[in-house]
PDB file of N, CA and C in Angstrom:
ATOM      1  N   MET A   1      98.250  52.674 103.993  1.00  0.00           N
ATOM      2  CA  MET A   1      98.688  53.433 102.848  1.00  0.00           C
ATOM      3  C   MET A   1      98.186  54.865 103.006  1.00  0.00           C
ATOM      4  N   ALA A   2      99.061  55.814 102.836  1.00  0.00           N
ATOM      5  CA  ALA A   2      98.700  57.221 102.961  1.00  0.00           C
ATOM      6  C   ALA A   2      97.940  57.700 101.731  1.00  0.00           C
ATOM      7  N   ASN A   3      97.011  58.602 101.974  1.00  0.00           N
ATOM      8  CA  ASN A   3      96.258  59.234 100.907  1.00  0.00           C
ATOM      9  C   ASN A   3      96.779  60.658 100.768  1.00  0.00           C
ATOM     10  N   ILE A   4      97.272  61.037  99.592  1.00  0.00           N
ATOM     11  CA  ILE A   4      97.818  62.372  99.365  1.00  0.00           C
ATOM     12  C   ILE A   4      96.926  63.098  98.378  1.00  0.00           C
ATOM     13  N   GLN A   5      96.484  64.281  98.783  1.00  0.00           N
ATOM     14  CA  GLN A   5      95.630  65.090  97.923  1.00  0.00           C
ATOM     15  C   GLN A   5      96.344  66.414  97.649  1.00  0.00           C
ATOM     16  N   LEU A   6      96.607  66.691  96.370  1.00  0.00           N
ATOM     17  CA  LEU A   6      97.249  67.939  95.969  1.00  0.00           C
ATOM     18  C   LEU A   6      96.187  68.915  95.496  1.00  0.00           C
ATOM     19  N   PHE A   7      96.388  70.193  95.789  1.00  0.00           N
ATOM     20  CA  PHE A   7      95.429  71.222  95.407  1.00  0.00           C
ATOM     21  C   PHE A   7      96.071  72.184  94.420  1.00  0.00           C
ATOM     22  N   ASN A   8      95.231  72.810  93.598  1.00  0.00           N
ATOM     23  CA  ASN A   8      95.748  73.809  92.673  1.00  0.00           C
ATOM     24  C   ASN A   8      96.457  74.908  93.451  1.00  0.00           C
ATOM     25  N   PRO A   9      97.572  75.416  92.924  1.00  0.00           N
ATOM     26  CA  PRO A   9      98.284  76.488  93.625  1.00  0.00           C
ATOM     27  C   PRO A   9      97.412  77.739  93.774  1.00  0.00           C
ATOM     28  N   ILE A  10      97.672  78.474  94.837  1.00  0.00           N
ATOM     29  CA  ILE A  10      96.981  79.734  95.098  1.00  0.00           C
ATOM     30  C   ILE A  10      97.959  80.857  94.805  1.00  0.00           C
ATOM     31  N   SER A  11      97.539  81.804  94.004  1.00  0.00           N
ATOM     32  CA  SER A  11      98.411  82.930  93.659  1.00  0.00           C
ATOM     33  C   SER A  11      98.182  84.091  94.619  1.00  0.00           C
ATOM     34  N   PHE A  12      99.276  84.732  95.018  1.00  0.00           N
ATOM     35  CA  PHE A  12      99.211  85.962  95.806  1.00  0.00           C
ATOM     36  C   PHE A  12      99.710  87.096  94.928  1.00  0.00           C
ATOM     37  N   HIS A  13      98.917  88.147  94.826  1.00  0.00           N
ATOM     38  CA  HIS A  13      99.319  89.355  94.119  1.00  0.00           C
ATOM     39  C   HIS A  13      99.075  90.516  95.072  1.00  0.00           C
ATOM     40  N   GLY A  14     100.106  91.241  95.386  1.00  0.00           N
ATOM     41  CA  GLY A  14      99.977  92.362  96.308  1.00  0.00           C
ATOM     42  C   GLY A  14     101.325  93.019  96.480  1.00  0.00           C
ATOM     43  N   SER A  15     101.499  93.682  97.580  1.00  0.00           N
ATOM     44  CA  SER A  15     102.769  94.339  97.874  1.00  0.00           C
ATOM     45  C   SER A  15     103.085  94.150  99.348  1.00  0.00           C
ATOM     46  N   LEU A  16     104.076  93.308  99.619  1.00  0.00           N
ATOM     47  CA  LEU A  16     104.497  93.068 101.001  1.00  0.00           C
ATOM     48  C   LEU A  16     105.910  93.595 101.179  1.00  0.00           C
ATOM     49  N   ALA A  17     106.064  94.560 102.058  1.00  0.00           N
ATOM     50  CA  ALA A  17     107.386  95.075 102.392  1.00  0.00           C
ATOM     51  C   ALA A  17     108.120  94.006 103.198  1.00  0.00           C
ATOM     52  N   PRO A  18     109.436  94.116 103.328  1.00  0.00           N
ATOM     53  CA  PRO A  18     110.176  93.128 104.116  1.00  0.00           C
ATOM     54  C   PRO A  18     109.588  92.963 105.523  1.00  0.00           C
ATOM     55  N   GLY A  19     109.332  91.722 105.892  1.00  0.00           N
ATOM     56  CA  GLY A  19     108.781  91.410 107.210  1.00  0.00           C
ATOM     57  C   GLY A  19     107.275  91.479 107.295  1.00  0.00           C
ATOM     58  N   GLN A  20     106.607  92.043 106.304  1.00  0.00           N
ATOM     59  CA  GLN A  20     105.151  92.128 106.339  1.00  0.00           C
ATOM     60  C   GLN A  20     104.514  90.783 106.017  1.00  0.00           C
ATOM     61  N   THR A  21     103.258  90.626 106.469  1.00  0.00           N
ATOM     62  CA  THR A  21     102.532  89.381 106.263  1.00  0.00           C
ATOM     63  C   THR A  21     101.194  89.645 105.575  1.00  0.00           C
ATOM     64  N   ALA A  22     100.654  88.603 104.994  1.00  0.00           N
ATOM     65  CA  ALA A  22      99.310  88.637 104.415  1.00  0.00           C
ATOM     66  C   ALA A  22      98.618  87.328 104.758  1.00  0.00           C
ATOM     67  N   VAL A  23      97.366  87.412 105.168  1.00  0.00           N
ATOM     68  CA  VAL A  23      96.594  86.215 105.465  1.00  0.00           C
ATOM     69  C   VAL A  23      95.837  85.811 104.204  1.00  0.00           C
ATOM     70  N   ILE A  24      95.992  84.552 103.828  1.00  0.00           N
ATOM     71  CA  ILE A  24      95.332  84.005 102.652  1.00  0.00           C
ATOM     72  C   ILE A  24      94.364  82.926 103.125  1.00  0.00           C
ATOM     73  N   SER A  25      93.107  83.055 102.755  1.00  0.00           N
ATOM     74  CA  SER A  25      92.118  82.019 103.052  1.00  0.00           C
ATOM     75  C   SER A  25      91.976  81.148 101.819  1.00  0.00           C
ATOM     76  N   THR A  26      92.031  79.854 102.014  1.00  0.00           N
ATOM     77  CA  THR A  26      92.014  78.945 100.874  1.00  0.00           C
ATOM     78  C   THR A  26      90.615  78.773 100.323  1.00  0.00           C
ATOM     79  N   PRO A  27      90.514  78.648  99.014  1.00  0.00           N
ATOM     80  CA  PRO A  27      89.223  78.339  98.408  1.00  0.00           C
ATOM     81  C   PRO A  27      88.946  76.833  98.413  1.00  0.00           C
ATOM     82  N   ILE A  28      89.876  76.038  98.967  1.00  0.00           N
ATOM     83  CA  ILE A  28      89.707  74.577  98.955  1.00  0.00           C
ATOM     84  C   ILE A  28      88.884  74.125 100.145  1.00  0.00           C
ATOM     85  N   LEU A  29      88.272  72.992 100.003  1.00  0.00           N
ATOM     86  CA  LEU A  29      87.528  72.373 101.083  1.00  0.00           C
ATOM     87  C   LEU A  29      87.998  70.928 101.181  1.00  0.00           C
ATOM     88  N   VAL A  30      88.592  70.575 102.316  1.00  0.00           N
ATOM     89  CA  VAL A  30      89.138  69.235 102.523  1.00  0.00           C
ATOM     90  C   VAL A  30      88.156  68.440 103.367  1.00  0.00           C
ATOM     91  N   PRO A  31      87.785  67.229 102.947  1.00  0.00           N
ATOM     92  CA  PRO A  31      86.890  66.416 103.773  1.00  0.00           C
ATOM     93  C   PRO A  31      87.529  66.098 105.122  1.00  0.00           C
ATOM     94  N   VAL A  32      86.729  66.103 106.153  1.00  0.00           N
ATOM     95  CA  VAL A  32      87.217  65.758 107.489  1.00  0.00           C
ATOM     96  C   VAL A  32      87.473  64.260 107.515  1.00  0.00           C
ATOM     97  N   PRO A  33      88.669  63.828 107.976  1.00  0.00           N
ATOM     98  CA  PRO A  33      88.950  62.382 108.010  1.00  0.00           C
ATOM     99  C   PRO A  33      88.116  61.680 109.079  1.00  0.00           C
ATOM    100  N   ARG A  34      88.029  60.369 108.941  1.00  0.00           N
ATOM    101  CA  ARG A  34      87.267  59.581 109.920  1.00  0.00           C
ATOM    102  C   ARG A  34      87.908  59.740 111.308  1.00  0.00           C
ATOM    103  N   ASP A  35      87.175  59.353 112.334  1.00  0.00           N
ATOM    104  CA  ASP A  35      87.667  59.492 113.711  1.00  0.00           C
ATOM    105  C   ASP A  35      89.029  58.839 113.883  1.00  0.00           C
ATOM    106  N   ASN A  36      89.882  59.505 114.617  1.00  0.00           N
ATOM    107  CA  ASN A  36      91.231  59.048 114.957  1.00  0.00           C
ATOM    108  C   ASN A  36      92.163  58.945 113.758  1.00  0.00           C
ATOM    109  N   ALA A  37      91.785  59.503 112.628  1.00  0.00           N
ATOM    110  CA  ALA A  37      92.680  59.498 111.471  1.00  0.00           C
ATOM    111  C   ALA A  37      93.552  60.747 111.514  1.00  0.00           C
ATOM    112  N   ASN A  38      94.786  60.588 111.137  1.00  0.00           N
ATOM    113  CA  ASN A  38      95.697  61.722 111.092  1.00  0.00           C
ATOM    114  C   ASN A  38      95.474  62.507 109.810  1.00  0.00           C
ATOM    115  N   LEU A  39      95.659  63.812 109.902  1.00  0.00           N
ATOM    116  CA  LEU A  39      95.569  64.680 108.737  1.00  0.00           C
ATOM    117  C   LEU A  39      96.689  65.701 108.847  1.00  0.00           C
ATOM    118  N   VAL A  40      97.539  65.747 107.829  1.00  0.00           N
ATOM    119  CA  VAL A  40      98.689  66.642 107.820  1.00  0.00           C
ATOM    120  C   VAL A  40      98.597  67.529 106.590  1.00  0.00           C
ATOM    121  N   PHE A  41      98.851  68.811 106.776  1.00  0.00           N
ATOM    122  CA  PHE A  41      98.902  69.740 105.651  1.00  0.00           C
ATOM    123  C   PHE A  41     100.345  70.160 105.419  1.00  0.00           C
ATOM    124  N   VAL A  42     100.764  70.113 104.178  1.00  0.00           N
ATOM    125  CA  VAL A  42     102.087  70.606 103.793  1.00  0.00           C
ATOM    126  C   VAL A  42     101.841  71.839 102.929  1.00  0.00           C
ATOM    127  N   VAL A  43     102.348  72.988 103.392  1.00  0.00           N
ATOM    128  CA  VAL A  43     102.117  74.252 102.700  1.00  0.00           C
ATOM    129  C   VAL A  43     103.467  74.900 102.441  1.00  0.00           C
ATOM    130  N   SER A  44     103.683  75.318 101.208  1.00  0.00           N
ATOM    131  CA  SER A  44     104.939  76.009 100.884  1.00  0.00           C
ATOM    132  C   SER A  44     104.633  77.199  99.995  1.00  0.00           C
ATOM    133  N   ALA A  45     105.519  78.183 100.040  1.00  0.00           N
ATOM    134  CA  ALA A  45     105.367  79.392  99.233  1.00  0.00           C
ATOM    135  C   ALA A  45     106.602  79.572  98.373  1.00  0.00           C
ATOM    136  N   ARG A  46     106.355  79.993  97.141  1.00  0.00           N
ATOM    137  CA  ARG A  46     107.456  80.272  96.218  1.00  0.00           C
ATOM    138  C   ARG A  46     107.234  81.652  95.632  1.00  0.00           C
ATOM    139  N   PRO A  47     108.226  82.541  95.803  1.00  0.00           N
ATOM    140  CA  PRO A  47     108.088  83.861  95.190  1.00  0.00           C
ATOM    141  C   PRO A  47     108.206  83.759  93.672  1.00  0.00           C
ATOM    142  N   VAL A  48     107.485  84.629  92.984  1.00  0.00           N
ATOM    143  CA  VAL A  48     107.579  84.697  91.525  1.00  0.00           C
ATOM    144  C   VAL A  48     108.661  85.720  91.202  1.00  0.00           C
ATOM    145  N   ARG A  49     109.663  85.282  90.504  1.00  0.00           N
ATOM    146  CA  ARG A  49     110.782  86.165  90.178  1.00  0.00           C
ATOM    147  C   ARG A  49     110.444  86.926  88.902  1.00  0.00           C
ATOM    148  N   THR A  50     110.279  88.238  89.030  1.00  0.00           N
ATOM    149  CA  THR A  50     109.870  89.060  87.890  1.00  0.00           C
ATOM    150  C   THR A  50     110.995  89.964  87.400  1.00  0.00           C
ATOM    151  N   GLY A  51     112.181  89.791  87.911  1.00  0.00           N
ATOM    152  CA  GLY A  51     113.307  90.623  87.488  1.00  0.00           C
ATOM    153  C   GLY A  51     114.596  90.010  87.968  1.00  0.00           C
ATOM    154  N   PRO A  52     115.669  90.770  87.907  1.00  0.00           N
ATOM    155  CA  PRO A  52     116.954  90.227  88.329  1.00  0.00           C
ATOM    156  C   PRO A  52     117.121  90.152  89.847  1.00  0.00           C
ATOM    157  N   HIS A  53     116.123  90.619  90.588  1.00  0.00           N
ATOM    158  CA  HIS A  53     116.228  90.639  92.047  1.00  0.00           C
ATOM    159  C   HIS A  53     115.961  89.260  92.643  1.00  0.00           C
ATOM    160  N   VAL A  54     116.376  89.061  93.854  1.00  0.00           N
ATOM    161  CA  VAL A  54     116.105  87.833  94.599  1.00  0.00           C
ATOM    162  C   VAL A  54     114.977  88.131  95.577  1.00  0.00           C
ATOM    163  N   PHE A  55     113.946  87.302  95.562  1.00  0.00           N
ATOM    164  CA  PHE A  55     112.817  87.473  96.459  1.00  0.00           C
ATOM    165  C   PHE A  55     112.752  86.274  97.403  1.00  0.00           C
ATOM    166  N   ALA A  56     112.099  86.443  98.544  1.00  0.00           N
ATOM    167  CA  ALA A  56     111.983  85.355  99.511  1.00  0.00           C
ATOM    168  C   ALA A  56     110.589  85.387 100.130  1.00  0.00           C
ATOM    169  N   ALA A  57     109.981  84.219 100.234  1.00  0.00           N
ATOM    170  CA  ALA A  57     108.658  84.094 100.842  1.00  0.00           C
ATOM    171  C   ALA A  57     108.671  82.929 101.808  1.00  0.00           C
ATOM    172  N   ASN A  58     107.818  83.026 102.819  1.00  0.00           N
ATOM    173  CA  ASN A  58     107.790  82.017 103.857  1.00  0.00           C
ATOM    174  C   ASN A  58     106.341  81.865 104.335  1.00  0.00           C
ATOM    175  N   ILE A  59     106.024  80.716 104.906  1.00  0.00           N
ATOM    176  CA  ILE A  59     104.726  80.485 105.532  1.00  0.00           C
ATOM    177  C   ILE A  59     104.946  80.506 107.037  1.00  0.00           C
ATOM    178  N   ARG A  60     104.249  81.405 107.735  1.00  0.00           N
ATOM    179  CA  ARG A  60     104.416  81.506 109.182  1.00  0.00           C
ATOM    180  C   ARG A  60     103.451  80.587 109.924  1.00  0.00           C
ATOM    181  N   ASP A  61     102.185  80.654 109.600  1.00  0.00           N
ATOM    182  CA  ASP A  61     101.164  79.871 110.303  1.00  0.00           C
ATOM    183  C   ASP A  61     100.185  79.277 109.310  1.00  0.00           C
ATOM    184  N   VAL A  62      99.666  78.119 109.673  1.00  0.00           N
ATOM    185  CA  VAL A  62      98.560  77.506 108.945  1.00  0.00           C
ATOM    186  C   VAL A  62      97.493  77.199 109.984  1.00  0.00           C
ATOM    187  N   VAL A  63      96.326  77.813 109.829  1.00  0.00           N
ATOM    188  CA  VAL A  63      95.227  77.621 110.769  1.00  0.00           C
ATOM    189  C   VAL A  63      94.138  76.822 110.064  1.00  0.00           C
ATOM    190  N   VAL A  64      93.728  75.719 110.679  1.00  0.00           N
ATOM    191  CA  VAL A  64      92.690  74.875 110.107  1.00  0.00           C
ATOM    192  C   VAL A  64      91.346  75.338 110.657  1.00  0.00           C
ATOM    193  N   VAL A  65      90.405  75.603 109.747  1.00  0.00           N
ATOM    194  CA  VAL A  65      89.086  76.100 110.118  1.00  0.00           C
ATOM    195  C   VAL A  65      88.057  75.020 109.782  1.00  0.00           C
ATOM    196  N   THR A  66      87.269  74.625 110.776  1.00  0.00           N
ATOM    197  CA  THR A  66      86.220  73.635 110.574  1.00  0.00           C
ATOM    198  C   THR A  66      84.933  74.348 110.205  1.00  0.00           C
ATOM    199  N   ASN A  67      84.315  73.920 109.139  1.00  0.00           N
ATOM    200  CA  ASN A  67      83.058  74.511 108.676  1.00  0.00           C
ATOM    201  C   ASN A  67      81.893  73.619 109.057  1.00  0.00           C
ATOM    202  N   ASP A  68      80.848  74.222 109.619  1.00  0.00           N
ATOM    203  CA  ASP A  68      79.649  73.455 109.950  1.00  0.00           C
ATOM    204  C   ASP A  68      78.878  73.078 108.692  1.00  0.00           C
ATOM    205  N   ALA A  69      78.705  74.034 107.824  1.00  0.00           N
ATOM    206  CA  ALA A  69      78.016  73.756 106.555  1.00  0.00           C
ATOM    207  C   ALA A  69      78.803  74.432 105.449  1.00  0.00           C
ATOM    208  N   PRO A  70      79.189  73.774 104.429  1.00  0.00           N
ATOM    209  CA  PRO A  70      78.818  72.420 104.010  1.00  0.00           C
ATOM    210  C   PRO A  70      79.692  71.338 104.616  1.00  0.00           C
ATOM    211  N   GLY A  71      80.443  71.639 105.638  1.00  0.00           N
ATOM    212  CA  GLY A  71      81.327  70.651 106.243  1.00  0.00           C
ATOM    213  C   GLY A  71      82.700  70.721 105.628  1.00  0.00           C
ATOM    214  N   GLY A  72      83.637  70.041 106.215  1.00  0.00           N
ATOM    215  CA  GLY A  72      85.000  70.044 105.692  1.00  0.00           C
ATOM    216  C   GLY A  72      85.864  71.078 106.375  1.00  0.00           C
ATOM    217  N   LEU A  73      87.077  71.224 105.863  1.00  0.00           N
ATOM    218  CA  LEU A  73      88.080  72.108 106.460  1.00  0.00           C
ATOM    219  C   LEU A  73      88.597  73.097 105.423  1.00  0.00           C
ATOM    220  N   ASN A  74      88.819  74.316 105.855  1.00  0.00           N
ATOM    221  CA  ASN A  74      89.504  75.326 105.059  1.00  0.00           C
ATOM    222  C   ASN A  74      90.781  75.702 105.798  1.00  0.00           C
ATOM    223  N   LEU A  75      91.708  76.343 105.105  1.00  0.00           N
ATOM    224  CA  LEU A  75      92.960  76.782 105.723  1.00  0.00           C
ATOM    225  C   LEU A  75      93.086  78.295 105.632  1.00  0.00           C
ATOM    226  N   ASN A  76      93.590  78.897 106.705  1.00  0.00           N
ATOM    227  CA  ASN A  76      94.034  80.285 106.681  1.00  0.00           C
ATOM    228  C   ASN A  76      95.552  80.245 106.805  1.00  0.00           C
ATOM    229  N   ILE A  77      96.238  80.853 105.843  1.00  0.00           N
ATOM    230  CA  ILE A  77      97.689  80.761 105.738  1.00  0.00           C
ATOM    231  C   ILE A  77      98.284  82.162 105.885  1.00  0.00           C
ATOM    232  N   VAL A  78      99.342  82.293 106.679  1.00  0.00           N
ATOM    233  CA  VAL A  78     100.031  83.571 106.816  1.00  0.00           C
ATOM    234  C   VAL A  78     101.287  83.522 105.956  1.00  0.00           C
ATOM    235  N   LEU A  79     101.286  84.332 104.892  1.00  0.00           N
ATOM    236  CA  LEU A  79     102.418  84.447 103.978  1.00  0.00           C
ATOM    237  C   LEU A  79     103.297  85.594 104.447  1.00  0.00           C
ATOM    238  N   VAL A  80     104.617  85.372 104.476  1.00  0.00           N
ATOM    239  CA  VAL A  80     105.561  86.376 104.976  1.00  0.00           C
ATOM    240  C   VAL A  80     106.580  86.706 103.894  1.00  0.00           C
ATOM    241  N   ASN A  81     106.857  87.990 103.729  1.00  0.00           N
ATOM    242  CA  ASN A  81     107.993  88.404 102.904  1.00  0.00           C
ATOM    243  C   ASN A  81     109.218  88.303 103.796  1.00  0.00           C
ATOM    244  N   SER A  82     110.051  87.314 103.572  1.00  0.00           N
ATOM    245  CA  SER A  82     111.200  87.080 104.440  1.00  0.00           C
ATOM    246  C   SER A  82     112.494  87.658 103.885  1.00  0.00           C
ATOM    247  N   HIS A  83     112.395  88.495 102.856  1.00  0.00           N
ATOM    248  CA  HIS A  83     113.582  89.175 102.333  1.00  0.00           C
ATOM    249  C   HIS A  83     113.852  90.411 103.189  1.00  0.00           C
ATOM    250  N   THR A  84     115.111  90.769 103.331  1.00  0.00           N
ATOM    251  CA  THR A  84     115.458  91.903 104.192  1.00  0.00           C
ATOM    252  C   THR A  84     115.340  93.246 103.492  1.00  0.00           C
ATOM    253  N   VAL A  85     115.282  93.269 102.150  1.00  0.00           N
ATOM    254  CA  VAL A  85     115.291  94.536 101.422  1.00  0.00           C
ATOM    255  C   VAL A  85     114.170  94.629 100.382  1.00  0.00           C
ATOM    256  N   GLN A  86     113.940  93.573  99.615  1.00  0.00           N
ATOM    257  CA  GLN A  86     113.033  93.613  98.471  1.00  0.00           C
ATOM    258  C   GLN A  86     111.565  93.498  98.889  1.00  0.00           C
ATOM    259  N   THR A  87     110.698  94.186  98.149  1.00  0.00           N
ATOM    260  CA  THR A  87     109.255  94.058  98.314  1.00  0.00           C
ATOM    261  C   THR A  87     108.771  92.857  97.506  1.00  0.00           C
ATOM    262  N   LEU A  88     107.922  92.037  98.123  1.00  0.00           N
ATOM    263  CA  LEU A  88     107.353  90.869  97.456  1.00  0.00           C
ATOM    264  C   LEU A  88     106.027  91.268  96.822  1.00  0.00           C
ATOM    265  N   THR A  89     105.870  90.997  95.531  1.00  0.00           N
ATOM    266  CA  THR A  89     104.627  91.366  94.847  1.00  0.00           C
ATOM    267  C   THR A  89     103.835  90.158  94.364  1.00  0.00           C
ATOM    268  N   ASP A  90     104.497  89.055  94.094  1.00  0.00           N
ATOM    269  CA  ASP A  90     103.796  87.868  93.601  1.00  0.00           C
ATOM    270  C   ASP A  90     104.401  86.619  94.232  1.00  0.00           C
ATOM    271  N   ALA A  91     103.512  85.697  94.625  1.00  0.00           N
ATOM    272  CA  ALA A  91     103.973  84.424  95.177  1.00  0.00           C
ATOM    273  C   ALA A  91     102.943  83.355  94.837  1.00  0.00           C
ATOM    274  N   ILE A  92     103.389  82.121  94.872  1.00  0.00           N
ATOM    275  CA  ILE A  92     102.525  80.972  94.631  1.00  0.00           C
ATOM    276  C   ILE A  92     102.591  80.082  95.865  1.00  0.00           C
ATOM    277  N   VAL A  93     101.426  79.738  96.398  1.00  0.00           N
ATOM    278  CA  VAL A  93     101.329  78.889  97.580  1.00  0.00           C
ATOM    279  C   VAL A  93     100.829  77.521  97.153  1.00  0.00           C
ATOM    280  N   SER A  94     101.574  76.474  97.500  1.00  0.00           N
ATOM    281  CA  SER A  94     101.214  75.096  97.161  1.00  0.00           C
ATOM    282  C   SER A  94     100.766  74.371  98.418  1.00  0.00           C
ATOM    283  N   ILE A  95      99.735  73.525  98.255  1.00  0.00           N
ATOM    284  CA  ILE A  95      99.144  72.839  99.412  1.00  0.00           C
ATOM    285  C   ILE A  95      98.939  71.363  99.087  1.00  0.00           C
ATOM    286  N   ALA A  96      99.283  70.513 100.055  1.00  0.00           N
ATOM    287  CA  ALA A  96      98.995  69.082  99.973  1.00  0.00           C
ATOM    288  C   ALA A  96      98.390  68.639 101.297  1.00  0.00           C
ATOM    289  N   ALA A  97      97.442  67.739 101.248  1.00  0.00           N
ATOM    290  CA  ALA A  97      96.862  67.143 102.452  1.00  0.00           C
ATOM    291  C   ALA A  97      97.203  65.653 102.435  1.00  0.00           C
ATOM    292  N   ILE A  98      97.726  65.181 103.560  1.00  0.00           N
ATOM    293  CA  ILE A  98      98.104  63.781 103.690  1.00  0.00           C
ATOM    294  C   ILE A  98      97.302  63.171 104.830  1.00  0.00           C
ATOM    295  N   SER A  99      96.601  62.089 104.531  1.00  0.00           N
ATOM    296  CA  SER A  99      95.810  61.433 105.584  1.00  0.00           C
ATOM    297  C   SER A  99      96.070  59.942 105.561  1.00  0.00           C
TER     298      SER A  99
END
């Protein structure tokens, strides 16, 4: 049976021109699974629509960082403004861990 752990969404507030990226480090700490256990992260980004414009956000990379103390895993996520014209100012990143 799979174990699914959902985390509170992470908000991005900034200004990303089309094609620009921002690295987001997660405040979450995921326990390291037992030996030979699979661990999958599902990460998605949703732009916050603040006007009549259409915005687009994407996740380019998810880097898993192992911490010696206090132990566990953190994620570094690359958020991308994937719109060709509009500047992205707000986005919400959702994360789930499946083991």
